[in-house]
Amino acid sequence: MCRHEIKQCPRCKSDFECKVNSVLKCQCADISLTEEQRNVIAEQYSDCLCADCLQYFSREQDKLDVLSIK
C-alpha cells in the first residue's frame, strides 16, 4: 500500500498531505501555474508548497496579467 507523506509547507509552515505517488489525487493537481510561476517557486523553495500557497502564486500572476492589459 502506498503511503502519503505529511509535509510542512516551506512558505507558510502549515502541514499538508503530499501524494507524490498519486499526483493526480494530490492537493496541487487542480492548481494551474504557468511555467514562469513554477520557475519562481522552484527558485525560492526546494520542496512542495501547500495548495493555499500555490493558489497565492497563481492569483498574484493573474493580478499582474490584468495590470499589464490596462
C-alpha atoms as a PDB file:
ATOM      1  CA  MET A   1       0.000   0.000   0.000  1.00  0.00           C
ATOM      2  CA  CYS A   2       1.271   3.447  -0.925  1.00  0.00           C
ATOM      3  CA  ARG A   3       1.561   5.848   1.988  1.00  0.00           C
ATOM      4  CA  HIS A   4       1.320   9.569   1.574  1.00  0.00           C
ATOM      5  CA  GLU A   5       3.639  11.965   3.290  1.00  0.00           C
ATOM      6  CA  ILE A   6       2.750  14.748   5.706  1.00  0.00           C
ATOM      7  CA  LYS A   7       4.934  17.724   4.825  1.00  0.00           C
ATOM      8  CA  GLN A   8       5.339  21.223   6.152  1.00  0.00           C
ATOM      9  CA  CYS A   9       4.978  23.962   3.578  1.00  0.00           C
ATOM     10  CA  PRO A  10       8.287  25.846   3.384  1.00  0.00           C
ATOM     11  CA  ARG A  11       6.440  29.121   2.708  1.00  0.00           C
ATOM     12  CA  CYS A  12       3.701  29.234   5.376  1.00  0.00           C
ATOM     13  CA  LYS A  13       4.802  26.352   7.645  1.00  0.00           C
ATOM     14  CA  SER A  14       1.377  24.657   7.580  1.00  0.00           C
ATOM     15  CA  ASP A  15       1.173  20.851   7.415  1.00  0.00           C
ATOM     16  CA  PHE A  16      -0.352  19.195   4.361  1.00  0.00           C
ATOM     17  CA  GLU A  17      -0.608  15.749   2.821  1.00  0.00           C
ATOM     18  CA  CYS A  18       1.636  15.239  -0.198  1.00  0.00           C
ATOM     19  CA  LYS A  19       0.524  12.471  -2.546  1.00  0.00           C
ATOM     20  CA  VAL A  20       3.606  12.411  -4.733  1.00  0.00           C
ATOM     21  CA  ASN A  21       2.948   8.746  -5.600  1.00  0.00           C
ATOM     22  CA  SER A  22      -0.627   9.626  -6.644  1.00  0.00           C
ATOM     23  CA  VAL A  23      -0.037  13.038  -8.150  1.00  0.00           C
ATOM     24  CA  LEU A  24      -3.457  13.168  -9.837  1.00  0.00           C
ATOM     25  CA  LYS A  25      -5.056  12.915  -6.374  1.00  0.00           C
ATOM     26  CA  CYS A  26      -2.681  15.390  -4.758  1.00  0.00           C
ATOM     27  CA  GLN A  27      -3.826  18.741  -3.364  1.00  0.00           C
ATOM     28  CA  CYS A  28      -1.785  20.517  -6.030  1.00  0.00           C
ATOM     29  CA  ALA A  29      -3.222  18.678  -9.060  1.00  0.00           C
ATOM     30  CA  ASP A  30      -6.041  21.169  -9.700  1.00  0.00           C
ATOM     31  CA  ILE A  31      -3.904  24.313  -9.480  1.00  0.00           C
ATOM     32  CA  SER A  32      -2.795  25.805 -12.780  1.00  0.00           C
ATOM     33  CA  LEU A  33       0.561  27.522 -12.805  1.00  0.00           C
ATOM     34  CA  THR A  34       2.448  28.965 -15.730  1.00  0.00           C
ATOM     35  CA  GLU A  35       5.999  27.901 -16.459  1.00  0.00           C
ATOM     36  CA  GLU A  36       7.132  31.287 -15.149  1.00  0.00           C
ATOM     37  CA  GLN A  37       5.253  30.761 -11.881  1.00  0.00           C
ATOM     38  CA  ARG A  38       6.731  27.272 -11.488  1.00  0.00           C
ATOM     39  CA  ASN A  39      10.212  28.687 -12.099  1.00  0.00           C
ATOM     40  CA  VAL A  40       9.739  31.422  -9.475  1.00  0.00           C
ATOM     41  CA  ILE A  41       8.580  28.828  -6.937  1.00  0.00           C
ATOM     42  CA  ALA A  42      11.477  26.484  -7.775  1.00  0.00           C
ATOM     43  CA  GLU A  43      13.987  29.311  -7.340  1.00  0.00           C
ATOM     44  CA  GLN A  44      12.658  30.136  -3.869  1.00  0.00           C
ATOM     45  CA  TYR A  45      11.693  26.720  -2.454  1.00  0.00           C
ATOM     46  CA  SER A  46      13.232  23.262  -2.652  1.00  0.00           C
ATOM     47  CA  ASP A  47      10.112  21.296  -1.671  1.00  0.00           C
ATOM     48  CA  CYS A  48       6.379  21.173  -2.335  1.00  0.00           C
ATOM     49  CA  LEU A  49       4.150  24.063  -1.275  1.00  0.00           C
ATOM     50  CA  CYS A  50       0.663  23.648   0.162  1.00  0.00           C
ATOM     51  CA  ALA A  51      -2.375  24.308  -2.013  1.00  0.00           C
ATOM     52  CA  ASP A  52      -3.035  27.695  -0.368  1.00  0.00           C
ATOM     53  CA  CYS A  53       0.451  28.944  -1.211  1.00  0.00           C
ATOM     54  CA  LEU A  54       0.254  27.591  -4.759  1.00  0.00           C
ATOM     55  CA  GLN A  55      -3.078  29.402  -5.150  1.00  0.00           C
ATOM     56  CA  TYR A  56      -1.394  32.577  -3.893  1.00  0.00           C
ATOM     57  CA  PHE A  57       1.228  32.386  -6.640  1.00  0.00           C
ATOM     58  CA  SER A  58      -1.474  31.685  -9.213  1.00  0.00           C
ATOM     59  CA  ARG A  59      -3.601  34.666  -8.081  1.00  0.00           C
ATOM     60  CA  GLU A  60      -0.637  37.041  -7.936  1.00  0.00           C
ATOM     61  CA  GLN A  61       0.246  36.308 -11.562  1.00  0.00           C
ATOM     62  CA  ASP A  62      -3.397  36.830 -12.537  1.00  0.00           C
ATOM     63  CA  LYS A  63      -3.244  40.300 -10.939  1.00  0.00           C
ATOM     64  CA  LEU A  64      -0.063  41.129 -12.865  1.00  0.00           C
ATOM     65  CA  ASP A  65      -1.645  39.940 -16.125  1.00  0.00           C
ATOM     66  CA  VAL A  66      -4.671  42.202 -15.574  1.00  0.00           C
ATOM     67  CA  LEU A  67      -2.447  45.188 -14.822  1.00  0.00           C
ATOM     68  CA  SER A  68      -0.385  44.637 -17.962  1.00  0.00           C
ATOM     69  CA  ILE A  69      -3.530  44.653 -20.143  1.00  0.00           C
ATOM     70  CA  LYS A  70      -4.584  48.134 -18.983  1.00  0.00           C
END
